[in-house]
Amino acid sequence: MSWITLKTTKGRWEAELMQQILTAYDIPSRVLNIGAGIYCGQGNQAALQVRSKDRWTALLLLSPPEDVPELS
């Protein structure tokens, strides 16, 4: 099974929150620690990974909603 990095975050909590959203839709994911932040106090950076075949579905689920134009 091939895994790809979908997002990198400044904190593990952020990656775990995204992982919970994906889990709710039965999309397997994993969170990896990628080291300390560049500046002191940033915490540990993390990467959220998904299977290659779930990439586009996961990106859609984690993307911000589109603005809906108002009807005149």
C-alpha atoms as a PDB file:
ATOM      1  CA  MET A   1       0.000   0.000   0.000  1.00  0.00           C
ATOM      2  CA  SER A   2       1.403   3.378  -0.998  1.00  0.00           C
ATOM      3  CA  TRP A   3       1.032   6.377   1.359  1.00  0.00           C
ATOM      4  CA  ILE A   4       1.383  10.050   0.392  1.00  0.00           C
ATOM      5  CA  THR A   5       1.680  13.152   2.545  1.00  0.00           C
ATOM      6  CA  LEU A   6      -1.494  15.170   2.215  1.00  0.00           C
ATOM      7  CA  LYS A   7      -0.760  17.992   4.652  1.00  0.00           C
ATOM      8  CA  THR A   8       1.956  19.111   7.031  1.00  0.00           C
ATOM      9  CA  THR A   9       1.006  20.989  10.179  1.00  0.00           C
ATOM     10  CA  LYS A  10       2.675  23.078  12.872  1.00  0.00           C
ATOM     11  CA  GLY A  11       1.207  20.878  15.592  1.00  0.00           C
ATOM     12  CA  ARG A  12       0.264  17.254  15.992  1.00  0.00           C
ATOM     13  CA  TRP A  13      -3.178  18.209  17.328  1.00  0.00           C
ATOM     14  CA  GLU A  14      -4.082  19.767  13.965  1.00  0.00           C
ATOM     15  CA  ALA A  15      -3.096  16.632  12.043  1.00  0.00           C
ATOM     16  CA  GLU A  16      -5.027  14.448  14.505  1.00  0.00           C
ATOM     17  CA  LEU A  17      -8.141  16.594  14.035  1.00  0.00           C
ATOM     18  CA  MET A  18      -7.945  16.145  10.255  1.00  0.00           C
ATOM     19  CA  GLN A  19      -7.385  12.430  10.821  1.00  0.00           C
ATOM     20  CA  GLN A  20     -10.633  12.240  12.823  1.00  0.00           C
ATOM     21  CA  ILE A  21     -12.542  13.841   9.941  1.00  0.00           C
ATOM     22  CA  LEU A  22     -11.127  11.287   7.516  1.00  0.00           C
ATOM     23  CA  THR A  23     -11.868   8.419   9.910  1.00  0.00           C
ATOM     24  CA  ALA A  24     -15.524   9.502  10.020  1.00  0.00           C
ATOM     25  CA  TYR A  25     -15.611   8.848   6.246  1.00  0.00           C
ATOM     26  CA  ASP A  26     -13.741   5.522   6.499  1.00  0.00           C
ATOM     27  CA  ILE A  27     -10.575   6.888   4.874  1.00  0.00           C
ATOM     28  CA  PRO A  28      -7.461   5.309   6.388  1.00  0.00           C
ATOM     29  CA  SER A  29      -4.822   7.829   7.429  1.00  0.00           C
ATOM     30  CA  ARG A  30      -1.815   8.142   9.677  1.00  0.00           C
ATOM     31  CA  VAL A  31      -0.026  10.965  11.488  1.00  0.00           C
ATOM     32  CA  LEU A  32       3.763  11.098  11.553  1.00  0.00           C
ATOM     33  CA  ASN A  33       5.978  13.365  13.643  1.00  0.00           C
ATOM     34  CA  ILE A  34       8.410  15.203  11.380  1.00  0.00           C
ATOM     35  CA  GLY A  35      10.434  17.046  13.992  1.00  0.00           C
ATOM     36  CA  ALA A  36      10.507  20.176  16.068  1.00  0.00           C
ATOM     37  CA  GLY A  37       9.348  23.499  14.668  1.00  0.00           C
ATOM     38  CA  ILE A  38      11.816  26.016  13.302  1.00  0.00           C
ATOM     39  CA  TYR A  39      11.129  28.439  16.127  1.00  0.00           C
ATOM     40  CA  CYS A  40      11.046  27.567  19.809  1.00  0.00           C
ATOM     41  CA  GLY A  41       7.594  26.985  21.186  1.00  0.00           C
ATOM     42  CA  GLN A  42       5.978  25.789  17.960  1.00  0.00           C
ATOM     43  CA  GLY A  43       5.770  22.217  19.158  1.00  0.00           C
ATOM     44  CA  ASN A  44       6.334  19.188  16.979  1.00  0.00           C
ATOM     45  CA  GLN A  45       5.428  19.383  13.327  1.00  0.00           C
ATOM     46  CA  ALA A  46       3.382  16.518  11.927  1.00  0.00           C
ATOM     47  CA  ALA A  47       2.419  15.091   8.546  1.00  0.00           C
ATOM     48  CA  LEU A  48      -0.961  13.628   7.664  1.00  0.00           C
ATOM     49  CA  GLN A  49      -0.727  10.756   5.202  1.00  0.00           C
ATOM     50  CA  VAL A  50      -3.403   8.911   3.250  1.00  0.00           C
ATOM     51  CA  ARG A  51      -3.330   6.072   0.752  1.00  0.00           C
ATOM     52  CA  SER A  52      -2.647   7.201  -2.798  1.00  0.00           C
ATOM     53  CA  LYS A  53      -6.052   6.056  -4.008  1.00  0.00           C
ATOM     54  CA  ASP A  54      -7.825   8.204  -1.350  1.00  0.00           C
ATOM     55  CA  ARG A  55      -5.881  11.395  -2.104  1.00  0.00           C
ATOM     56  CA  TRP A  56      -8.530  13.392  -3.979  1.00  0.00           C
ATOM     57  CA  THR A  57     -11.403  12.390  -1.703  1.00  0.00           C
ATOM     58  CA  ALA A  58      -9.385  13.399   1.360  1.00  0.00           C
ATOM     59  CA  LEU A  59      -8.404  16.727  -0.214  1.00  0.00           C
ATOM     60  CA  LEU A  60     -12.060  17.496  -0.937  1.00  0.00           C
ATOM     61  CA  LEU A  61     -13.132  16.611   2.611  1.00  0.00           C
ATOM     62  CA  LEU A  62     -10.421  18.788   4.172  1.00  0.00           C
ATOM     63  CA  SER A  63     -10.756  21.769   1.827  1.00  0.00           C
ATOM     64  CA  PRO A  64     -12.610  24.923   2.885  1.00  0.00           C
ATOM     65  CA  PRO A  65     -16.187  25.239   1.574  1.00  0.00           C
ATOM     66  CA  GLU A  66     -16.679  27.218  -1.599  1.00  0.00           C
ATOM     67  CA  ASP A  67     -18.476  30.531  -1.435  1.00  0.00           C
ATOM     68  CA  VAL A  68     -22.004  30.212  -2.752  1.00  0.00           C
ATOM     69  CA  PRO A  69     -22.981  33.222  -4.874  1.00  0.00           C
ATOM     70  CA  GLU A  70     -26.126  34.995  -3.766  1.00  0.00           C
ATOM     71  CA  LEU A  71     -29.084  34.867  -6.096  1.00  0.00           C
ATOM     72  CA  SER A  72     -30.497  38.267  -7.086  1.00  0.00           C
END
